[in-house]
N, C-alpha and C. Protein backbone atom coordinates (compact mmCIF):
# COMPACT_ATOMS: atom_id res chain seq x y z
N UNK A 1 24.11 -0.19 17.74
CA UNK A 1 23.93 0.68 16.60
C UNK A 1 24.17 2.11 17.07
N UNK A 2 25.04 2.81 16.42
CA UNK A 2 25.34 4.19 16.78
C UNK A 2 24.25 5.14 16.32
N UNK A 3 24.54 6.40 16.41
CA UNK A 3 23.61 7.41 15.92
C UNK A 3 23.64 7.43 14.40
N UNK A 4 22.60 6.90 13.80
CA UNK A 4 22.55 6.86 12.33
C UNK A 4 22.22 8.22 11.75
N UNK A 5 21.43 8.98 12.46
CA UNK A 5 21.02 10.31 11.99
C UNK A 5 21.45 11.34 13.00
N UNK A 6 22.72 11.67 12.99
CA UNK A 6 23.21 12.63 13.97
C UNK A 6 22.80 14.05 13.60
N UNK A 7 22.56 14.29 12.31
CA UNK A 7 22.13 15.61 11.86
C UNK A 7 21.02 15.40 10.83
N UNK A 8 19.88 15.99 11.07
CA UNK A 8 18.73 15.76 10.19
C UNK A 8 18.86 16.55 8.90
N UNK A 9 19.28 17.76 8.95
CA UNK A 9 19.43 18.53 7.71
C UNK A 9 20.89 18.55 7.29
N UNK A 10 21.11 18.38 6.00
CA UNK A 10 22.48 18.36 5.47
C UNK A 10 22.71 19.42 4.40
N UNK A 11 21.62 19.92 3.84
CA UNK A 11 21.64 20.90 2.75
C UNK A 11 22.13 20.30 1.43
N UNK A 12 22.50 19.02 1.43
CA UNK A 12 23.01 18.42 0.19
C UNK A 12 21.90 18.21 -0.84
N UNK A 13 20.65 18.20 -0.41
CA UNK A 13 19.55 18.00 -1.34
C UNK A 13 18.97 19.28 -1.90
N UNK A 14 19.55 20.39 -1.56
CA UNK A 14 19.02 21.67 -2.03
C UNK A 14 19.12 21.81 -3.54
N UNK A 15 19.97 21.00 -4.16
CA UNK A 15 20.13 21.09 -5.62
C UNK A 15 19.19 20.15 -6.37
N UNK A 16 18.25 19.52 -5.65
CA UNK A 16 17.30 18.63 -6.30
C UNK A 16 17.77 17.20 -6.42
N UNK A 17 18.84 16.85 -5.72
CA UNK A 17 19.32 15.47 -5.72
C UNK A 17 19.23 14.93 -4.30
N UNK A 18 19.31 13.61 -4.21
CA UNK A 18 19.31 12.97 -2.90
C UNK A 18 20.33 11.84 -2.92
N UNK A 19 20.83 11.50 -1.76
CA UNK A 19 21.84 10.46 -1.65
C UNK A 19 21.23 9.07 -1.56
N UNK A 20 21.81 8.14 -2.29
CA UNK A 20 21.41 6.75 -2.22
C UNK A 20 22.29 6.04 -1.19
N UNK A 21 21.91 4.82 -0.85
CA UNK A 21 22.63 4.06 0.17
C UNK A 21 24.08 3.79 -0.23
N UNK A 22 24.35 3.72 -1.53
CA UNK A 22 25.72 3.45 -1.99
C UNK A 22 26.57 4.71 -2.11
N UNK A 23 26.01 5.85 -1.72
CA UNK A 23 26.74 7.10 -1.77
C UNK A 23 26.51 7.91 -3.05
N UNK A 24 25.88 7.31 -4.05
CA UNK A 24 25.61 8.05 -5.28
C UNK A 24 24.49 9.06 -5.06
N UNK A 25 24.38 10.01 -5.96
CA UNK A 25 23.34 11.03 -5.89
C UNK A 25 22.44 10.84 -7.10
N UNK A 26 21.14 10.96 -6.86
CA UNK A 26 20.16 10.82 -7.94
C UNK A 26 19.15 11.98 -7.84
N UNK A 27 18.47 12.24 -8.94
CA UNK A 27 17.46 13.29 -8.96
C UNK A 27 16.29 12.89 -8.06
N UNK A 28 15.80 13.85 -7.28
CA UNK A 28 14.70 13.57 -6.37
C UNK A 28 13.41 13.19 -7.10
N UNK A 29 13.29 13.59 -8.36
CA UNK A 29 12.09 13.26 -9.11
C UNK A 29 12.32 12.10 -10.09
N UNK A 30 13.42 11.39 -9.94
CA UNK A 30 13.69 10.22 -10.78
C UNK A 30 12.72 9.09 -10.45
N UNK A 31 12.62 8.13 -11.35
CA UNK A 31 11.66 7.03 -11.18
C UNK A 31 11.93 6.22 -9.91
N UNK A 32 13.18 6.00 -9.59
CA UNK A 32 13.50 5.22 -8.38
C UNK A 32 13.03 5.97 -7.13
N UNK A 33 13.29 7.27 -7.10
CA UNK A 33 12.87 8.06 -5.95
C UNK A 33 11.34 8.19 -5.90
N UNK A 34 10.70 8.24 -7.07
CA UNK A 34 9.23 8.25 -7.09
C UNK A 34 8.70 6.99 -6.43
N UNK A 35 9.27 5.85 -6.79
CA UNK A 35 8.82 4.57 -6.22
C UNK A 35 9.08 4.53 -4.71
N UNK A 36 10.26 4.97 -4.30
CA UNK A 36 10.58 4.99 -2.87
C UNK A 36 9.59 5.90 -2.13
N UNK A 37 9.28 7.04 -2.71
CA UNK A 37 8.35 7.98 -2.09
C UNK A 37 6.94 7.41 -1.96
N UNK A 38 6.49 6.70 -2.99
CA UNK A 38 5.15 6.10 -2.94
C UNK A 38 5.09 5.02 -1.87
N UNK A 39 6.14 4.22 -1.76
CA UNK A 39 6.18 3.18 -0.73
C UNK A 39 6.21 3.83 0.66
N UNK A 40 6.93 4.92 0.80
CA UNK A 40 6.98 5.64 2.07
C UNK A 40 5.61 6.20 2.42
N UNK A 41 4.91 6.77 1.44
CA UNK A 41 3.57 7.29 1.71
C UNK A 41 2.62 6.17 2.12
N UNK A 42 2.73 5.04 1.45
CA UNK A 42 1.91 3.88 1.80
C UNK A 42 2.19 3.45 3.24
N UNK A 43 3.45 3.38 3.60
CA UNK A 43 3.82 2.97 4.95
C UNK A 43 3.26 3.96 5.97
N UNK A 44 3.31 5.24 5.64
CA UNK A 44 2.75 6.25 6.54
C UNK A 44 1.24 6.08 6.69
N UNK A 45 0.57 5.78 5.58
CA UNK A 45 -0.88 5.57 5.63
C UNK A 45 -1.21 4.35 6.48
N UNK A 46 -0.38 3.32 6.41
CA UNK A 46 -0.61 2.13 7.24
C UNK A 46 -0.50 2.47 8.72
N UNK A 47 0.34 3.45 9.06
CA UNK A 47 0.41 3.92 10.44
C UNK A 47 -0.93 4.46 10.91
N UNK A 48 -1.64 5.14 10.02
CA UNK A 48 -2.98 5.65 10.36
C UNK A 48 -3.96 4.50 10.50
N UNK A 49 -3.90 3.54 9.58
CA UNK A 49 -4.81 2.39 9.67
C UNK A 49 -4.58 1.66 10.99
N UNK A 50 -3.32 1.46 11.36
CA UNK A 50 -3.00 0.80 12.63
C UNK A 50 -3.60 1.58 13.79
N UNK A 51 -3.50 2.88 13.74
CA UNK A 51 -4.04 3.73 14.79
C UNK A 51 -5.56 3.59 14.92
N UNK A 52 -6.23 3.32 13.82
CA UNK A 52 -7.69 3.22 13.81
C UNK A 52 -8.20 1.81 14.08
N UNK A 53 -7.32 0.81 14.04
CA UNK A 53 -7.72 -0.59 14.23
C UNK A 53 -7.77 -0.95 15.71
N UNK A 54 -8.73 -1.78 16.05
CA UNK A 54 -8.75 -2.38 17.38
C UNK A 54 -7.62 -3.42 17.44
N UNK A 55 -7.21 -3.74 18.63
CA UNK A 55 -6.17 -4.77 18.78
C UNK A 55 -6.65 -6.06 18.14
N UNK A 56 -5.74 -6.79 17.56
CA UNK A 56 -6.08 -8.05 16.94
C UNK A 56 -5.10 -8.39 15.83
N UNK A 57 -5.43 -9.46 15.12
CA UNK A 57 -4.53 -9.99 14.10
C UNK A 57 -4.29 -9.01 12.96
N UNK A 58 -5.32 -8.28 12.54
CA UNK A 58 -5.14 -7.33 11.44
C UNK A 58 -4.12 -6.27 11.84
N UNK A 59 -4.26 -5.74 13.04
CA UNK A 59 -3.33 -4.72 13.53
C UNK A 59 -1.91 -5.27 13.61
N UNK A 60 -1.76 -6.47 14.14
CA UNK A 60 -0.44 -7.10 14.24
C UNK A 60 0.16 -7.31 12.85
N UNK A 61 -0.66 -7.77 11.91
CA UNK A 61 -0.17 -7.99 10.54
C UNK A 61 0.23 -6.68 9.88
N UNK A 62 -0.50 -5.61 10.15
CA UNK A 62 -0.16 -4.32 9.58
C UNK A 62 1.21 -3.84 10.05
N UNK A 63 1.52 -4.07 11.32
CA UNK A 63 2.84 -3.69 11.83
C UNK A 63 3.92 -4.50 11.11
N UNK A 64 3.68 -5.78 10.91
CA UNK A 64 4.64 -6.62 10.17
C UNK A 64 4.80 -6.11 8.75
N UNK A 65 3.68 -5.74 8.12
CA UNK A 65 3.72 -5.22 6.75
C UNK A 65 4.52 -3.91 6.70
N UNK A 66 4.39 -3.08 7.72
CA UNK A 66 5.19 -1.85 7.75
C UNK A 66 6.69 -2.17 7.69
N UNK A 67 7.11 -3.19 8.42
CA UNK A 67 8.52 -3.59 8.39
C UNK A 67 8.89 -4.11 7.00
N UNK A 68 7.99 -4.88 6.39
CA UNK A 68 8.24 -5.36 5.03
C UNK A 68 8.40 -4.19 4.06
N UNK A 69 7.52 -3.19 4.20
CA UNK A 69 7.60 -2.03 3.29
C UNK A 69 8.89 -1.24 3.50
N UNK A 70 9.35 -1.17 4.74
CA UNK A 70 10.61 -0.48 4.99
C UNK A 70 11.74 -1.25 4.32
N UNK A 71 11.69 -2.58 4.39
CA UNK A 71 12.68 -3.41 3.69
C UNK A 71 12.59 -3.22 2.19
N UNK A 72 11.37 -3.15 1.67
CA UNK A 72 11.17 -2.97 0.24
C UNK A 72 11.77 -1.62 -0.19
N UNK A 73 11.50 -0.57 0.57
CA UNK A 73 12.09 0.73 0.27
C UNK A 73 13.61 0.69 0.34
N UNK A 74 14.13 -0.05 1.32
CA UNK A 74 15.58 -0.21 1.44
C UNK A 74 16.16 -0.91 0.23
N UNK A 75 15.45 -1.90 -0.26
CA UNK A 75 15.93 -2.61 -1.45
C UNK A 75 15.88 -1.70 -2.67
N UNK A 76 14.90 -0.83 -2.75
CA UNK A 76 14.87 0.13 -3.85
C UNK A 76 16.05 1.09 -3.75
N UNK A 77 16.45 1.43 -2.53
CA UNK A 77 17.58 2.32 -2.33
C UNK A 77 18.92 1.62 -2.53
N UNK A 78 18.92 0.29 -2.39
CA UNK A 78 20.14 -0.51 -2.57
C UNK A 78 19.81 -1.66 -3.52
N UNK A 79 19.69 -1.39 -4.81
CA UNK A 79 19.21 -2.39 -5.76
C UNK A 79 20.02 -3.68 -5.82
N UNK A 80 21.28 -3.64 -5.40
CA UNK A 80 22.11 -4.84 -5.47
C UNK A 80 21.87 -5.80 -4.32
N UNK A 81 21.11 -5.36 -3.32
CA UNK A 81 20.84 -6.20 -2.15
C UNK A 81 19.45 -6.80 -2.26
N UNK A 82 19.31 -7.99 -1.70
CA UNK A 82 17.99 -8.63 -1.65
C UNK A 82 17.56 -8.65 -0.19
N UNK A 83 16.64 -7.76 0.14
CA UNK A 83 16.18 -7.65 1.52
C UNK A 83 14.82 -8.31 1.68
N UNK A 84 13.91 -7.99 0.77
CA UNK A 84 12.56 -8.54 0.84
C UNK A 84 12.53 -9.91 0.17
N UNK A 85 12.27 -10.93 0.93
CA UNK A 85 12.27 -12.30 0.43
C UNK A 85 10.92 -12.67 -0.19
N UNK A 86 10.94 -13.58 -1.15
CA UNK A 86 9.70 -14.05 -1.80
C UNK A 86 8.77 -14.70 -0.78
N UNK A 87 9.31 -15.20 0.31
CA UNK A 87 8.46 -15.83 1.34
C UNK A 87 7.50 -14.83 1.96
N UNK A 88 7.82 -13.54 1.89
CA UNK A 88 6.92 -12.51 2.43
C UNK A 88 5.65 -12.41 1.59
N UNK A 89 5.76 -12.68 0.29
CA UNK A 89 4.58 -12.68 -0.59
C UNK A 89 3.68 -13.85 -0.20
N UNK A 90 4.29 -15.00 0.03
CA UNK A 90 3.52 -16.18 0.45
C UNK A 90 2.82 -15.93 1.78
N UNK A 91 3.50 -15.25 2.70
CA UNK A 91 2.89 -14.92 3.99
C UNK A 91 1.66 -14.03 3.78
N UNK A 92 1.80 -13.01 2.93
CA UNK A 92 0.65 -12.14 2.63
C UNK A 92 -0.52 -12.95 2.09
N UNK A 93 -0.23 -13.86 1.17
CA UNK A 93 -1.29 -14.69 0.59
C UNK A 93 -1.97 -15.54 1.65
N UNK A 94 -1.19 -16.11 2.56
CA UNK A 94 -1.77 -16.92 3.64
C UNK A 94 -2.66 -16.08 4.54
N UNK A 95 -2.21 -14.90 4.91
CA UNK A 95 -3.01 -14.03 5.78
C UNK A 95 -4.26 -13.54 5.05
N UNK A 96 -4.13 -13.30 3.76
CA UNK A 96 -5.28 -12.89 2.94
C UNK A 96 -6.32 -14.00 2.92
N UNK A 97 -5.87 -15.24 2.72
CA UNK A 97 -6.79 -16.38 2.68
C UNK A 97 -7.51 -16.59 4.01
N UNK A 98 -6.80 -16.36 5.12
CA UNK A 98 -7.42 -16.51 6.44
C UNK A 98 -8.57 -15.52 6.60
N UNK A 99 -8.34 -14.26 6.25
CA UNK A 99 -9.40 -13.25 6.38
C UNK A 99 -10.53 -13.52 5.40
N UNK A 100 -10.18 -13.83 4.17
CA UNK A 100 -11.18 -14.01 3.12
C UNK A 100 -12.11 -15.18 3.41
N UNK A 101 -11.60 -16.20 4.12
CA UNK A 101 -12.42 -17.37 4.44
C UNK A 101 -13.60 -17.00 5.34
N UNK A 102 -13.48 -15.89 6.06
CA UNK A 102 -14.55 -15.46 6.97
C UNK A 102 -15.53 -14.47 6.33
N UNK A 103 -15.31 -14.15 5.07
CA UNK A 103 -16.15 -13.16 4.39
C UNK A 103 -17.08 -13.83 3.39
N UNK A 104 -18.22 -13.20 3.15
CA UNK A 104 -19.13 -13.71 2.12
C UNK A 104 -18.51 -13.41 0.76
N UNK A 105 -18.70 -14.33 -0.19
CA UNK A 105 -18.14 -14.08 -1.53
C UNK A 105 -18.77 -12.82 -2.14
N UNK A 106 -17.96 -12.08 -2.86
CA UNK A 106 -18.45 -10.86 -3.50
C UNK A 106 -19.19 -11.21 -4.79
N UNK A 107 -20.35 -10.60 -4.97
CA UNK A 107 -21.11 -10.77 -6.20
C UNK A 107 -21.19 -9.45 -6.96
N UNK A 108 -20.84 -8.36 -6.29
CA UNK A 108 -20.87 -7.02 -6.86
C UNK A 108 -19.61 -6.28 -6.41
N UNK A 109 -19.31 -5.19 -7.09
CA UNK A 109 -18.25 -4.31 -6.62
C UNK A 109 -18.74 -3.60 -5.37
N UNK A 110 -17.81 -3.29 -4.47
CA UNK A 110 -18.19 -2.54 -3.28
C UNK A 110 -17.55 -1.16 -3.34
N UNK A 111 -18.21 -0.22 -2.71
CA UNK A 111 -17.68 1.14 -2.63
C UNK A 111 -16.82 1.25 -1.37
N UNK A 112 -15.73 2.01 -1.44
CA UNK A 112 -14.92 2.21 -0.24
C UNK A 112 -15.73 2.90 0.85
N UNK A 113 -15.55 2.48 2.06
CA UNK A 113 -16.24 3.11 3.17
C UNK A 113 -16.47 2.15 4.31
N UNK A 114 -17.42 2.51 5.15
CA UNK A 114 -17.75 1.69 6.31
C UNK A 114 -17.09 2.24 7.56
N UNK A 115 -16.59 1.35 8.37
CA UNK A 115 -15.92 1.75 9.61
C UNK A 115 -14.71 2.61 9.29
N UNK A 116 -14.32 3.43 10.26
CA UNK A 116 -13.19 4.33 10.03
C UNK A 116 -11.93 3.56 9.65
N UNK A 117 -11.65 2.47 10.36
CA UNK A 117 -10.45 1.68 10.05
C UNK A 117 -10.53 1.10 8.65
N UNK A 118 -11.70 0.63 8.25
CA UNK A 118 -11.88 0.06 6.90
C UNK A 118 -11.75 1.13 5.84
N UNK A 119 -12.29 2.32 6.12
CA UNK A 119 -12.19 3.42 5.15
C UNK A 119 -10.74 3.81 4.92
N UNK A 120 -9.98 3.92 6.00
CA UNK A 120 -8.56 4.22 5.85
C UNK A 120 -7.81 3.08 5.16
N UNK A 121 -8.25 1.86 5.38
CA UNK A 121 -7.63 0.72 4.72
C UNK A 121 -7.88 0.79 3.21
N UNK A 122 -9.07 1.22 2.81
CA UNK A 122 -9.36 1.43 1.38
C UNK A 122 -8.45 2.51 0.80
N UNK A 123 -8.23 3.58 1.55
CA UNK A 123 -7.34 4.63 1.09
C UNK A 123 -5.91 4.09 0.94
N UNK A 124 -5.49 3.28 1.90
CA UNK A 124 -4.16 2.65 1.81
C UNK A 124 -4.06 1.78 0.56
N UNK A 125 -5.15 1.09 0.22
CA UNK A 125 -5.16 0.25 -0.99
C UNK A 125 -4.96 1.10 -2.24
N UNK A 126 -5.60 2.25 -2.30
CA UNK A 126 -5.45 3.14 -3.46
C UNK A 126 -4.00 3.66 -3.55
N UNK A 127 -3.42 4.00 -2.41
CA UNK A 127 -2.02 4.44 -2.39
C UNK A 127 -1.11 3.30 -2.81
N UNK A 128 -1.45 2.09 -2.38
CA UNK A 128 -0.67 0.90 -2.74
C UNK A 128 -0.68 0.70 -4.26
N UNK A 129 -1.83 0.92 -4.88
CA UNK A 129 -1.91 0.79 -6.34
C UNK A 129 -1.04 1.83 -7.03
N UNK A 130 -0.97 3.03 -6.46
CA UNK A 130 -0.11 4.07 -7.03
C UNK A 130 1.36 3.66 -6.88
N UNK A 131 1.71 3.09 -5.72
CA UNK A 131 3.08 2.61 -5.52
C UNK A 131 3.41 1.51 -6.54
N UNK A 132 2.43 0.67 -6.80
CA UNK A 132 2.64 -0.40 -7.79
C UNK A 132 2.90 0.20 -9.17
N UNK A 133 2.13 1.23 -9.55
CA UNK A 133 2.35 1.86 -10.85
C UNK A 133 3.74 2.48 -10.92
N UNK A 134 4.20 3.07 -9.82
CA UNK A 134 5.55 3.64 -9.80
C UNK A 134 6.61 2.56 -9.97
N UNK A 135 6.39 1.41 -9.34
CA UNK A 135 7.34 0.29 -9.49
C UNK A 135 7.35 -0.24 -10.93
N UNK A 136 6.19 -0.30 -11.54
CA UNK A 136 6.11 -0.75 -12.93
C UNK A 136 6.86 0.22 -13.84
N UNK A 137 6.66 1.52 -13.64
CA UNK A 137 7.38 2.52 -14.43
C UNK A 137 8.89 2.37 -14.24
N UNK A 138 9.32 2.21 -13.00
CA UNK A 138 10.74 2.03 -12.71
C UNK A 138 11.29 0.79 -13.39
N UNK A 139 10.54 -0.31 -13.33
CA UNK A 139 11.04 -1.58 -13.89
C UNK A 139 11.18 -1.52 -15.42
N UNK A 140 10.47 -0.61 -16.06
CA UNK A 140 10.62 -0.45 -17.51
C UNK A 140 11.93 0.25 -17.87
N UNK A 141 12.46 1.04 -16.93
CA UNK A 141 13.67 1.82 -17.18
C UNK A 141 14.92 1.23 -16.54
N UNK A 142 14.73 0.57 -15.40
CA UNK A 142 15.86 0.03 -14.65
C UNK A 142 15.53 -1.37 -14.16
N UNK A 143 16.55 -2.11 -13.85
CA UNK A 143 16.35 -3.47 -13.35
C UNK A 143 15.83 -3.43 -11.91
N UNK A 144 14.77 -4.15 -11.67
CA UNK A 144 14.25 -4.30 -10.31
C UNK A 144 13.93 -5.78 -10.10
N UNK A 145 13.93 -6.18 -8.87
CA UNK A 145 13.59 -7.56 -8.54
C UNK A 145 12.08 -7.74 -8.69
N UNK A 146 11.62 -8.79 -9.35
CA UNK A 146 10.18 -8.97 -9.56
C UNK A 146 9.41 -9.15 -8.26
N UNK A 147 10.07 -9.57 -7.18
CA UNK A 147 9.40 -9.75 -5.90
C UNK A 147 8.84 -8.44 -5.36
N UNK A 148 9.48 -7.33 -5.71
CA UNK A 148 9.02 -6.05 -5.18
C UNK A 148 7.63 -5.70 -5.69
N UNK A 149 7.45 -5.77 -7.01
CA UNK A 149 6.13 -5.47 -7.59
C UNK A 149 5.12 -6.52 -7.18
N UNK A 150 5.54 -7.77 -7.08
CA UNK A 150 4.61 -8.84 -6.68
C UNK A 150 4.13 -8.62 -5.25
N UNK A 151 5.03 -8.20 -4.36
CA UNK A 151 4.63 -7.93 -2.98
C UNK A 151 3.61 -6.81 -2.93
N UNK A 152 3.88 -5.72 -3.64
CA UNK A 152 2.97 -4.57 -3.62
C UNK A 152 1.63 -4.96 -4.24
N UNK A 153 1.66 -5.73 -5.30
CA UNK A 153 0.41 -6.18 -5.93
C UNK A 153 -0.42 -7.01 -4.96
N UNK A 154 0.22 -7.94 -4.28
CA UNK A 154 -0.48 -8.78 -3.32
C UNK A 154 -0.95 -7.98 -2.12
N UNK A 155 -0.16 -6.98 -1.74
CA UNK A 155 -0.55 -6.15 -0.61
C UNK A 155 -1.83 -5.37 -0.93
N UNK A 156 -2.00 -4.92 -2.15
CA UNK A 156 -3.24 -4.20 -2.48
C UNK A 156 -4.43 -5.14 -2.34
N UNK A 157 -4.26 -6.40 -2.73
CA UNK A 157 -5.33 -7.39 -2.52
C UNK A 157 -5.59 -7.60 -1.03
N UNK A 158 -4.50 -7.70 -0.26
CA UNK A 158 -4.62 -7.90 1.19
C UNK A 158 -5.38 -6.73 1.82
N UNK A 159 -5.05 -5.52 1.41
CA UNK A 159 -5.71 -4.34 1.98
C UNK A 159 -7.19 -4.30 1.63
N UNK A 160 -7.55 -4.73 0.42
CA UNK A 160 -8.95 -4.79 0.04
C UNK A 160 -9.71 -5.77 0.94
N UNK A 161 -9.15 -6.95 1.10
CA UNK A 161 -9.80 -7.96 1.94
C UNK A 161 -9.80 -7.51 3.40
N UNK A 162 -8.72 -6.88 3.85
CA UNK A 162 -8.66 -6.38 5.23
C UNK A 162 -9.73 -5.34 5.48
N UNK A 163 -10.00 -4.49 4.50
CA UNK A 163 -11.05 -3.48 4.69
C UNK A 163 -12.41 -4.15 4.84
N UNK A 164 -12.66 -5.17 4.07
CA UNK A 164 -13.92 -5.92 4.21
C UNK A 164 -13.98 -6.60 5.57
N UNK A 165 -12.87 -7.18 5.96
CA UNK A 165 -12.78 -7.90 7.23
C UNK A 165 -13.01 -6.95 8.41
N UNK A 166 -12.40 -5.76 8.34
CA UNK A 166 -12.58 -4.77 9.40
C UNK A 166 -14.04 -4.31 9.48
N UNK A 167 -14.67 -4.13 8.34
CA UNK A 167 -16.09 -3.77 8.35
C UNK A 167 -16.92 -4.87 9.00
N UNK A 168 -16.61 -6.11 8.69
CA UNK A 168 -17.35 -7.22 9.29
C UNK A 168 -17.14 -7.24 10.80
N UNK A 169 -15.89 -7.06 11.22
CA UNK A 169 -15.60 -7.06 12.66
C UNK A 169 -16.39 -5.99 13.40
N UNK A 170 -16.62 -4.86 12.75
CA UNK A 170 -17.29 -3.74 13.41
C UNK A 170 -18.78 -3.67 13.07
N UNK A 171 -19.29 -4.68 12.40
CA UNK A 171 -20.71 -4.74 12.12
C UNK A 171 -21.18 -3.75 11.08
N UNK A 172 -20.28 -3.29 10.23
CA UNK A 172 -20.64 -2.33 9.18
C UNK A 172 -21.05 -3.09 7.92
N UNK A 173 -22.12 -2.63 7.30
CA UNK A 173 -22.58 -3.22 6.06
C UNK A 173 -21.75 -2.66 4.89
N UNK A 174 -21.45 -3.54 3.96
CA UNK A 174 -20.77 -3.08 2.76
C UNK A 174 -21.78 -2.39 1.84
N UNK A 175 -21.31 -1.38 1.12
CA UNK A 175 -22.16 -0.68 0.17
C UNK A 175 -21.78 -1.19 -1.22
N UNK A 176 -22.76 -1.83 -1.85
CA UNK A 176 -22.51 -2.37 -3.18
C UNK A 176 -22.75 -1.31 -4.25
N UNK A 177 -21.89 -1.29 -5.24
CA UNK A 177 -22.03 -0.38 -6.36
C UNK A 177 -23.29 -0.74 -7.12
N UNK A 178 -24.07 0.27 -7.44
CA UNK A 178 -25.32 0.05 -8.16
C UNK A 178 -25.30 0.87 -9.44
N UNK A 179 -24.93 0.24 -10.53
CA UNK A 179 -24.85 0.96 -11.80
C UNK A 179 -26.21 1.47 -12.22
N UNK A 180 -27.29 0.81 -11.80
CA UNK A 180 -28.64 1.24 -12.14
C UNK A 180 -28.99 2.60 -11.56
N UNK A 181 -28.36 2.98 -10.46
CA UNK A 181 -28.63 4.29 -9.86
C UNK A 181 -28.20 5.40 -10.80
N UNK A 182 -27.11 5.18 -11.51
CA UNK A 182 -26.64 6.19 -12.46
C UNK A 182 -27.62 6.30 -13.62
N UNK A 183 -28.03 5.15 -14.15
CA UNK A 183 -28.98 5.16 -15.26
C UNK A 183 -30.29 5.83 -14.84
N UNK A 184 -30.76 5.56 -13.64
CA UNK A 184 -32.00 6.16 -13.16
C UNK A 184 -31.83 7.67 -13.00
N UNK A 185 -30.68 8.10 -12.50
CA UNK A 185 -30.42 9.52 -12.34
C UNK A 185 -30.39 10.21 -13.70
N UNK A 186 -29.67 9.60 -14.67
CA UNK A 186 -29.61 10.17 -16.01
C UNK A 186 -30.99 10.27 -16.64
N UNK A 187 -31.80 9.25 -16.45
CA UNK A 187 -33.16 9.24 -17.01
C UNK A 187 -33.98 10.36 -16.39
N UNK A 188 -33.86 10.53 -15.08
CA UNK A 188 -34.60 11.58 -14.39
C UNK A 188 -34.16 12.94 -14.87
N UNK A 189 -32.85 13.13 -15.06
CA UNK A 189 -32.32 14.42 -15.51
C UNK A 189 -32.80 14.77 -16.91
N UNK A 190 -32.90 13.76 -17.76
CA UNK A 190 -33.33 14.03 -19.13
C UNK A 190 -34.82 14.34 -19.22
N UNK A 191 -35.61 13.85 -18.26
CA UNK A 191 -37.05 14.13 -18.27
C UNK A 191 -37.39 15.46 -17.60
N UNK A 192 -36.43 16.04 -16.85
CA UNK A 192 -36.69 17.32 -16.17
C UNK A 192 -36.60 18.48 -17.10
């Protein structure tokens, strides 16, 4: 492979457009570029999660997911190509099931937090949901492969379970949402 990026700045984007893989130019704020940007931000956030994780299967899976996300972004940049295979969604589901089998069933909503790695994983999940919304918006305007949104949707589930799994690995207790605390606070405020 030769030098793919021999020059980092080109000045061609100064007019608010960017080049696609097929050589066409599109607006930097177009729906396709929004989706690509959200996936890129998610991938960057996963780099932080990886940095905060201890060695193990979660960390290894996150590196694999980063490669999947790069492929997904590539497919968004080259819509006529199929890079991300449906089998990657099945892999995510299998890995999700493995982690989830070691966790206690949820009876309440949990608040994001706990160990540093789990907290960052929760943040990655929120970014993943934003990327999913961008893909949905794009799919309403342009043709996209359904595997892309399905992968991102499943990834947000994977990240939620991974955050719980990381907390368990590090002995952190989950914080359950307590709607009664709000009612008690409101009641106290009204009596003051």
